[in-house]
Structures are given as structure tokens and as C-alpha cells.
Amino acid sequence: CLLAMCFTLFGAYCNPYWNNLFFRTNADAYSRPYN
């Protein structure tokens, strides 16, 4: 449990790839239309 807690909290608050798009196969880097 201690390991799971540390891994989870570290993975969200210290992991620079939390919520990033790099590892998502269906993600794109496009914004909505400019206007």
C-alpha cells in the first residue's frame, strides 16, 4: 500500500508526463481553428 501511494502521488505531482500527449496514439498537437 505504501508503495502504491508513493507511486501514485509521485506519478501525478512529480512526473512531467502526467496529462501529456506524447504517449497517446490518438492525440494530435492541433489547436482549434485560429479564428
ModelCIF file with pLDDT and N, C-alpha, C, O atoms, coordinates in Angstrom:
data_MODEL
#
_entry.id   MODEL 
#
_entity.id                         1 
_entity.type                       polymer 
_entity.pdbx_number_of_molecules   1 
#
_entity_poly.entity_id                      1 
_entity_poly.type                           'polypeptide(L)' 
_entity_poly.nstd_linkage                   no 
_entity_poly.nstd_monomer                   no 
_entity_poly.pdbx_seq_one_letter_code       CLLAMCFTLFGAYCNPYWNNLFFRTNADAYSRPYN 
_entity_poly.pdbx_seq_one_letter_code_can   CLLAMCFTLFGAYCNPYWNNLFFRTNADAYSRPYN 
_entity_poly.pdbx_strand_id                 A 
#
loop_
_entity_poly_seq.entity_id 
_entity_poly_seq.num 
_entity_poly_seq.mon_id 
_entity_poly_seq.hetero 
1 1  CYS n 
1 2  LEU n 
1 3  LEU n 
1 4  ALA n 
1 5  MET n 
1 6  CYS n 
1 7  PHE n 
1 8  THR n 
1 9  LEU n 
1 10 PHE n 
1 11 GLY n 
1 12 ALA n 
1 13 TYR n 
1 14 CYS n 
1 15 ASN n 
1 16 PRO n 
1 17 TYR n 
1 18 TRP n 
1 19 ASN n 
1 20 ASN n 
1 21 LEU n 
1 22 PHE n 
1 23 PHE n 
1 24 ARG n 
1 25 THR n 
1 26 ASN n 
1 27 ALA n 
1 28 ASP n 
1 29 ALA n 
1 30 TYR n 
1 31 SER n 
1 32 ARG n 
1 33 PRO n 
1 34 TYR n 
1 35 ASN n 
#
_struct_asym.id          A 
_struct_asym.entity_id   1 
#
loop_
_ma_qa_metric.id 
_ma_qa_metric.mode 
_ma_qa_metric.name 
_ma_qa_metric.software_group_id 
_ma_qa_metric.type 
1 global pLDDT . pLDDT 
2 local  pLDDT . pLDDT 
#
_ma_qa_metric_global.metric_id      1 
_ma_qa_metric_global.metric_value   91.94 
_ma_qa_metric_global.model_id       1 
_ma_qa_metric_global.ordinal_id     1 
#
loop_
_ma_qa_metric_local.label_asym_id 
_ma_qa_metric_local.label_comp_id 
_ma_qa_metric_local.label_seq_id 
_ma_qa_metric_local.metric_id 
_ma_qa_metric_local.metric_value 
_ma_qa_metric_local.model_id 
_ma_qa_metric_local.ordinal_id 
A CYS 1  2 92.00 1 1  
A LEU 2  2 94.00 1 2  
A LEU 3  2 94.00 1 3  
A ALA 4  2 94.00 1 4  
A MET 5  2 95.00 1 5  
A CYS 6  2 95.00 1 6  
A PHE 7  2 95.00 1 7  
A THR 8  2 95.00 1 8  
A LEU 9  2 96.00 1 9  
A PHE 10 2 96.00 1 10 
A GLY 11 2 95.00 1 11 
A ALA 12 2 95.00 1 12 
A TYR 13 2 95.00 1 13 
A CYS 14 2 96.00 1 14 
A ASN 15 2 95.00 1 15 
A PRO 16 2 96.00 1 16 
A TYR 17 2 96.00 1 17 
A TRP 18 2 96.00 1 18 
A ASN 19 2 95.00 1 19 
A ASN 20 2 94.00 1 20 
A LEU 21 2 93.00 1 21 
A PHE 22 2 88.00 1 22 
A PHE 23 2 90.00 1 23 
A ARG 24 2 89.00 1 24 
A THR 25 2 81.00 1 25 
A ASN 26 2 80.00 1 26 
A ALA 27 2 80.00 1 27 
A ASP 28 2 84.00 1 28 
A ALA 29 2 83.00 1 29 
A TYR 30 2 89.00 1 30 
A SER 31 2 91.00 1 31 
A ARG 32 2 92.00 1 32 
A PRO 33 2 93.00 1 33 
A TYR 34 2 93.00 1 34 
A ASN 35 2 93.00 1 35 
#
loop_
_atom_site.group_PDB 
_atom_site.id 
_atom_site.type_symbol 
_atom_site.label_atom_id 
_atom_site.label_alt_id 
_atom_site.label_comp_id 
_atom_site.label_asym_id 
_atom_site.label_entity_id 
_atom_site.label_seq_id 
_atom_site.pdbx_PDB_ins_code 
_atom_site.Cartn_x 
_atom_site.Cartn_y 
_atom_site.Cartn_z 
_atom_site.occupancy 
_atom_site.B_iso_or_equiv 
_atom_site.pdbx_formal_charge 
_atom_site.auth_seq_id 
_atom_site.auth_comp_id 
_atom_site.auth_asym_id 
_atom_site.auth_atom_id 
_atom_site.pdbx_PDB_model_num 
ATOM 1   N N  . CYS A 1 1  ? 0.828   -1.213 0.000   1.00 92.00 ? 1  CYS A N  1 
ATOM 2   C CA . CYS A 1 1  ? 0.000   0.000  0.000   1.00 92.00 ? 1  CYS A CA 1 
ATOM 3   C C  . CYS A 1 1  ? 0.861   1.261  0.000   1.00 92.00 ? 1  CYS A C  1 
ATOM 4   O O  . CYS A 1 1  ? 0.580   2.219  -0.720  1.00 92.00 ? 1  CYS A O  1 
ATOM 5   N N  . LEU A 1 2  ? 1.905   1.244  0.812   1.00 94.00 ? 2  LEU A N  1 
ATOM 6   C CA . LEU A 1 2  ? 2.803   2.390  0.867   1.00 94.00 ? 2  LEU A CA 1 
ATOM 7   C C  . LEU A 1 2  ? 3.452   2.637  -0.491  1.00 94.00 ? 2  LEU A C  1 
ATOM 8   O O  . LEU A 1 2  ? 3.568   3.778  -0.937  1.00 94.00 ? 2  LEU A O  1 
ATOM 9   N N  . LEU A 1 3  ? 3.872   1.555  -1.139  1.00 94.00 ? 3  LEU A N  1 
ATOM 10  C CA . LEU A 1 3  ? 4.466   1.664  -2.470  1.00 94.00 ? 3  LEU A CA 1 
ATOM 11  C C  . LEU A 1 3  ? 3.455   2.229  -3.467  1.00 94.00 ? 3  LEU A C  1 
ATOM 12  O O  . LEU A 1 3  ? 3.793   3.102  -4.267  1.00 94.00 ? 3  LEU A O  1 
ATOM 13  N N  . ALA A 1 4  ? 2.216   1.733  -3.422  1.00 94.00 ? 4  ALA A N  1 
ATOM 14  C CA . ALA A 1 4  ? 1.176   2.197  -4.340  1.00 94.00 ? 4  ALA A CA 1 
ATOM 15  C C  . ALA A 1 4  ? 0.884   3.684  -4.128  1.00 94.00 ? 4  ALA A C  1 
ATOM 16  O O  . ALA A 1 4  ? 0.715   4.426  -5.095  1.00 94.00 ? 4  ALA A O  1 
ATOM 17  N N  . MET A 1 5  ? 0.825   4.118  -2.867  1.00 95.00 ? 5  MET A N  1 
ATOM 18  C CA . MET A 1 5  ? 0.563   5.523  -2.556  1.00 95.00 ? 5  MET A CA 1 
ATOM 19  C C  . MET A 1 5  ? 1.678   6.422  -3.088  1.00 95.00 ? 5  MET A C  1 
ATOM 20  O O  . MET A 1 5  ? 1.417   7.442  -3.726  1.00 95.00 ? 5  MET A O  1 
ATOM 21  N N  . CYS A 1 6  ? 2.919   6.029  -2.816  1.00 95.00 ? 6  CYS A N  1 
ATOM 22  C CA . CYS A 1 6  ? 4.058   6.836  -3.266  1.00 95.00 ? 6  CYS A CA 1 
ATOM 23  C C  . CYS A 1 6  ? 4.120   6.902  -4.786  1.00 95.00 ? 6  CYS A C  1 
ATOM 24  O O  . CYS A 1 6  ? 4.336   7.966  -5.367  1.00 95.00 ? 6  CYS A O  1 
ATOM 25  N N  . PHE A 1 7  ? 3.927   5.743  -5.422  1.00 95.00 ? 7  PHE A N  1 
ATOM 26  C CA . PHE A 1 7  ? 3.980   5.687  -6.884  1.00 95.00 ? 7  PHE A CA 1 
ATOM 27  C C  . PHE A 1 7  ? 2.900   6.568  -7.498  1.00 95.00 ? 7  PHE A C  1 
ATOM 28  O O  . PHE A 1 7  ? 3.152   7.289  -8.463  1.00 95.00 ? 7  PHE A O  1 
ATOM 29  N N  . THR A 1 8  ? 1.697   6.506  -6.935  1.00 95.00 ? 8  THR A N  1 
ATOM 30  C CA . THR A 1 8  ? 0.571   7.266  -7.484  1.00 95.00 ? 8  THR A CA 1 
ATOM 31  C C  . THR A 1 8  ? 0.762   8.763  -7.313  1.00 95.00 ? 8  THR A C  1 
ATOM 32  O O  . THR A 1 8  ? 0.573   9.529  -8.258  1.00 95.00 ? 8  THR A O  1 
ATOM 33  N N  . LEU A 1 9  ? 1.138   9.183  -6.106  1.00 96.00 ? 9  LEU A N  1 
ATOM 34  C CA . LEU A 1 9  ? 1.312   10.609 -5.850  1.00 96.00 ? 9  LEU A CA 1 
ATOM 35  C C  . LEU A 1 9  ? 2.506   11.174 -6.618  1.00 96.00 ? 9  LEU A C  1 
ATOM 36  O O  . LEU A 1 9  ? 2.444   12.274 -7.166  1.00 96.00 ? 9  LEU A O  1 
ATOM 37  N N  . PHE A 1 10 ? 3.594   10.400 -6.647  1.00 96.00 ? 10 PHE A N  1 
ATOM 38  C CA . PHE A 1 10 ? 4.766   10.834 -7.410  1.00 96.00 ? 10 PHE A CA 1 
ATOM 39  C C  . PHE A 1 10 ? 4.421   10.913 -8.896  1.00 96.00 ? 10 PHE A C  1 
ATOM 40  O O  . PHE A 1 10 ? 4.835   11.845 -9.586  1.00 96.00 ? 10 PHE A O  1 
ATOM 41  N N  . GLY A 1 11 ? 3.663   9.931  -9.386  1.00 95.00 ? 11 GLY A N  1 
ATOM 42  C CA . GLY A 1 11 ? 3.298   9.883  -10.800 1.00 95.00 ? 11 GLY A CA 1 
ATOM 43  C C  . GLY A 1 11 ? 2.456   11.046 -11.250 1.00 95.00 ? 11 GLY A C  1 
ATOM 44  O O  . GLY A 1 11 ? 2.475   11.403 -12.428 1.00 95.00 ? 11 GLY A O  1 
ATOM 45  N N  . ALA A 1 12 ? 1.704   11.657 -10.325 1.00 95.00 ? 12 ALA A N  1 
ATOM 46  C CA . ALA A 1 12 ? 0.875   12.803 -10.685 1.00 95.00 ? 12 ALA A CA 1 
ATOM 47  C C  . ALA A 1 12 ? 1.580   14.125 -10.446 1.00 95.00 ? 12 ALA A C  1 
ATOM 48  O O  . ALA A 1 12 ? 1.506   15.028 -11.280 1.00 95.00 ? 12 ALA A O  1 
ATOM 49  N N  . TYR A 1 13 ? 2.263   14.249 -9.317  1.00 95.00 ? 13 TYR A N  1 
ATOM 50  C CA . TYR A 1 13 ? 2.799   15.552 -8.914  1.00 95.00 ? 13 TYR A CA 1 
ATOM 51  C C  . TYR A 1 13 ? 4.266   15.764 -9.269  1.00 95.00 ? 13 TYR A C  1 
ATOM 52  O O  . TYR A 1 13 ? 4.733   16.903 -9.283  1.00 95.00 ? 13 TYR A O  1 
ATOM 53  N N  . CYS A 1 14 ? 4.992   14.708 -9.552  1.00 96.00 ? 14 CYS A N  1 
ATOM 54  C CA . CYS A 1 14 ? 6.413   14.841 -9.903  1.00 96.00 ? 14 CYS A CA 1 
ATOM 55  C C  . CYS A 1 14 ? 6.715   14.349 -11.312 1.00 96.00 ? 14 CYS A C  1 
ATOM 56  O O  . CYS A 1 14 ? 7.769   14.665 -11.864 1.00 96.00 ? 14 CYS A O  1 
ATOM 57  N N  . ASN A 1 15 ? 5.829   13.600 -11.883 1.00 95.00 ? 15 ASN A N  1 
ATOM 58  C CA . ASN A 1 15 ? 6.015   13.058 -13.227 1.00 95.00 ? 15 ASN A CA 1 
ATOM 59  C C  . ASN A 1 15 ? 5.717   14.130 -14.270 1.00 95.00 ? 15 ASN A C  1 
ATOM 60  O O  . ASN A 1 15 ? 4.576   14.585 -14.355 1.00 95.00 ? 15 ASN A O  1 
ATOM 61  N N  . PRO A 1 16 ? 6.705   14.555 -15.073 1.00 96.00 ? 16 PRO A N  1 
ATOM 62  C CA . PRO A 1 16 ? 6.460   15.614 -16.062 1.00 96.00 ? 16 PRO A CA 1 
ATOM 63  C C  . PRO A 1 16 ? 5.540   15.181 -17.199 1.00 96.00 ? 16 PRO A C  1 
ATOM 64  O O  . PRO A 1 16 ? 5.098   16.017 -17.987 1.00 96.00 ? 16 PRO A O  1 
ATOM 65  N N  . TYR A 1 17 ? 5.247   13.880 -17.292 1.00 96.00 ? 17 TYR A N  1 
ATOM 66  C CA . TYR A 1 17 ? 4.408   13.390 -18.382 1.00 96.00 ? 17 TYR A CA 1 
ATOM 67  C C  . TYR A 1 17 ? 2.963   13.151 -17.954 1.00 96.00 ? 17 TYR A C  1 
ATOM 68  O O  . TYR A 1 17 ? 2.175   12.612 -18.731 1.00 96.00 ? 17 TYR A O  1 
ATOM 69  N N  . TRP A 1 18 ? 2.601   13.544 -16.729 1.00 96.00 ? 18 TRP A N  1 
ATOM 70  C CA . TRP A 1 18 ? 1.203   13.461 -16.313 1.00 96.00 ? 18 TRP A CA 1 
ATOM 71  C C  . TRP A 1 18 ? 0.380   14.439 -17.161 1.00 96.00 ? 18 TRP A C  1 
ATOM 72  O O  . TRP A 1 18 ? 0.688   15.629 -17.228 1.00 96.00 ? 18 TRP A O  1 
ATOM 73  N N  . ASN A 1 19 ? -0.658  13.924 -17.799 1.00 95.00 ? 19 ASN A N  1 
ATOM 74  C CA . ASN A 1 19 ? -1.552  14.686 -18.689 1.00 95.00 ? 19 ASN A CA 1 
ATOM 75  C C  . ASN A 1 19 ? -0.881  15.122 -19.987 1.00 95.00 ? 19 ASN A C  1 
ATOM 76  O O  . ASN A 1 19 ? -1.446  15.934 -20.720 1.00 95.00 ? 19 ASN A O  1 
ATOM 77  N N  . ASN A 1 20 ? 0.311   14.604 -20.293 1.00 94.00 ? 20 ASN A N  1 
ATOM 78  C CA . ASN A 1 20 ? 0.957   14.979 -21.557 1.00 94.00 ? 20 ASN A CA 1 
ATOM 79  C C  . ASN A 1 20 ? 0.387   14.145 -22.701 1.00 94.00 ? 20 ASN A C  1 
ATOM 80  O O  . ASN A 1 20 ? -0.336  13.174 -22.476 1.00 94.00 ? 20 ASN A O  1 
ATOM 81  N N  . LEU A 1 21 ? 0.721   14.535 -23.931 1.00 93.00 ? 21 LEU A N  1 
ATOM 82  C CA . LEU A 1 21 ? 0.153   13.880 -25.118 1.00 93.00 ? 21 LEU A CA 1 
ATOM 83  C C  . LEU A 1 21 ? 1.119   12.943 -25.832 1.00 93.00 ? 21 LEU A C  1 
ATOM 84  O O  . LEU A 1 21 ? 0.723   12.271 -26.785 1.00 93.00 ? 21 LEU A O  1 
ATOM 85  N N  . PHE A 1 22 ? 2.363   12.881 -25.401 1.00 88.00 ? 22 PHE A N  1 
ATOM 86  C CA . PHE A 1 22 ? 3.379   12.167 -26.163 1.00 88.00 ? 22 PHE A CA 1 
ATOM 87  C C  . PHE A 1 22 ? 3.081   10.693 -26.376 1.00 88.00 ? 22 PHE A C  1 
ATOM 88  O O  . PHE A 1 22 ? 3.374   10.147 -27.440 1.00 88.00 ? 22 PHE A O  1 
ATOM 89  N N  . PHE A 1 23 ? 2.509   10.050 -25.384 1.00 90.00 ? 23 PHE A N  1 
ATOM 90  C CA . PHE A 1 23 ? 2.354   8.606  -25.442 1.00 90.00 ? 23 PHE A CA 1 
ATOM 91  C C  . PHE A 1 23 ? 0.961   8.169  -25.883 1.00 90.00 ? 23 PHE A C  1 
ATOM 92  O O  . PHE A 1 23 ? 0.624   6.988  -25.811 1.00 90.00 ? 23 PHE A O  1 
ATOM 93  N N  . ARG A 1 24 ? 0.158   9.122  -26.338 1.00 89.00 ? 24 ARG A N  1 
ATOM 94  C CA . ARG A 1 24 ? -1.213  8.797  -26.739 1.00 89.00 ? 24 ARG A CA 1 
ATOM 95  C C  . ARG A 1 24 ? -1.304  8.668  -28.251 1.00 89.00 ? 24 ARG A C  1 
ATOM 96  O O  . ARG A 1 24 ? -1.031  9.620  -28.982 1.00 89.00 ? 24 ARG A O  1 
ATOM 97  N N  . THR A 1 25 ? -1.683  7.507  -28.707 1.00 81.00 ? 25 THR A N  1 
ATOM 98  C CA . THR A 1 25 ? -1.698  7.234  -30.149 1.00 81.00 ? 25 THR A CA 1 
ATOM 99  C C  . THR A 1 25 ? -2.779  8.035  -30.875 1.00 81.00 ? 25 THR A C  1 
ATOM 100 O O  . THR A 1 25 ? -2.646  8.303  -32.069 1.00 81.00 ? 25 THR A O  1 
ATOM 101 N N  . ASN A 1 26 ? -3.849  8.420  -30.169 1.00 80.00 ? 26 ASN A N  1 
ATOM 102 C CA . ASN A 1 26 ? -4.948  9.135  -30.824 1.00 80.00 ? 26 ASN A CA 1 
ATOM 103 C C  . ASN A 1 26 ? -4.859  10.644 -30.635 1.00 80.00 ? 26 ASN A C  1 
ATOM 104 O O  . ASN A 1 26 ? -5.795  11.363 -30.985 1.00 80.00 ? 26 ASN A O  1 
ATOM 105 N N  . ALA A 1 27 ? -3.745  11.138 -30.084 1.00 80.00 ? 27 ALA A N  1 
ATOM 106 C CA . ALA A 1 27 ? -3.621  12.572 -29.802 1.00 80.00 ? 27 ALA A CA 1 
ATOM 107 C C  . ALA A 1 27 ? -3.013  13.312 -30.983 1.00 80.00 ? 27 ALA A C  1 
ATOM 108 O O  . ALA A 1 27 ? -2.248  12.736 -31.757 1.00 80.00 ? 27 ALA A O  1 
ATOM 109 N N  . ASP A 1 28 ? -3.353  14.583 -31.118 1.00 84.00 ? 28 ASP A N  1 
ATOM 110 C CA . ASP A 1 28 ? -2.708  15.442 -32.103 1.00 84.00 ? 28 ASP A CA 1 
ATOM 111 C C  . ASP A 1 28 ? -2.336  16.752 -31.433 1.00 84.00 ? 28 ASP A C  1 
ATOM 112 O O  . ASP A 1 28 ? -2.821  17.061 -30.345 1.00 84.00 ? 28 ASP A O  1 
ATOM 113 N N  . ALA A 1 29 ? -1.475  17.522 -32.084 1.00 83.00 ? 29 ALA A N  1 
ATOM 114 C CA . ALA A 1 29 ? -0.984  18.768 -31.491 1.00 83.00 ? 29 ALA A CA 1 
ATOM 115 C C  . ALA A 1 29 ? -1.651  19.985 -32.113 1.00 83.00 ? 29 ALA A C  1 
ATOM 116 O O  . ALA A 1 29 ? -1.108  21.087 -32.047 1.00 83.00 ? 29 ALA A O  1 
ATOM 117 N N  . TYR A 1 30 ? -2.827  19.801 -32.719 1.00 89.00 ? 30 TYR A N  1 
ATOM 118 C CA . TYR A 1 30 ? -3.508  20.924 -33.369 1.00 89.00 ? 30 TYR A CA 1 
ATOM 119 C C  . TYR A 1 30 ? -4.461  21.632 -32.412 1.00 89.00 ? 30 TYR A C  1 
ATOM 120 O O  . TYR A 1 30 ? -5.125  21.006 -31.586 1.00 89.00 ? 30 TYR A O  1 
ATOM 121 N N  . SER A 1 31 ? -4.509  22.935 -32.546 1.00 91.00 ? 31 SER A N  1 
ATOM 122 C CA . SER A 1 31 ? -5.467  23.729 -31.791 1.00 91.00 ? 31 SER A CA 1 
ATOM 123 C C  . SER A 1 31 ? -6.787  23.773 -32.558 1.00 91.00 ? 31 SER A C  1 
ATOM 124 O O  . SER A 1 31 ? -6.912  23.183 -33.632 1.00 91.00 ? 31 SER A O  1 
ATOM 125 N N  . ARG A 1 32 ? -7.755  24.466 -32.006 1.00 92.00 ? 32 ARG A N  1 
ATOM 126 C CA . ARG A 1 32 ? -8.946  24.785 -32.784 1.00 92.00 ? 32 ARG A CA 1 
ATOM 127 C C  . ARG A 1 32 ? -8.554  25.780 -33.882 1.00 92.00 ? 32 ARG A C  1 
ATOM 128 O O  . ARG A 1 32 ? -7.496  26.399 -33.776 1.00 92.00 ? 32 ARG A O  1 
ATOM 129 N N  . PRO A 1 33 ? -9.361  25.956 -34.927 1.00 93.00 ? 33 PRO A N  1 
ATOM 130 C CA . PRO A 1 33 ? -9.020  26.926 -35.981 1.00 93.00 ? 33 PRO A CA 1 
ATOM 131 C C  . PRO A 1 33 ? -8.659  28.292 -35.402 1.00 93.00 ? 33 PRO A C  1 
ATOM 132 O O  . PRO A 1 33 ? -9.236  28.742 -34.413 1.00 93.00 ? 33 PRO A O  1 
ATOM 133 N N  . TYR A 1 34 ? -7.694  28.932 -36.044 1.00 93.00 ? 34 TYR A N  1 
ATOM 134 C CA . TYR A 1 34 ? -7.080  30.131 -35.485 1.00 93.00 ? 34 TYR A CA 1 
ATOM 135 C C  . TYR A 1 34 ? -8.046  31.281 -35.237 1.00 93.00 ? 34 TYR A C  1 
ATOM 136 O O  . TYR A 1 34 ? -7.827  32.094 -34.339 1.00 93.00 ? 34 TYR A O  1 
ATOM 137 N N  . ASN A 1 35 ? -9.129  31.354 -36.038 1.00 93.00 ? 35 ASN A N  1 
ATOM 138 C CA . ASN A 1 35 ? -10.050 32.480 -35.913 1.00 93.00 ? 35 ASN A CA 1 
ATOM 139 C C  . ASN A 1 35 ? -11.302 32.145 -35.107 1.00 93.00 ? 35 ASN A C  1 
ATOM 140 O O  . ASN A 1 35 ? -12.166 33.003 -34.922 1.00 93.00 ? 35 ASN A O  1 
#
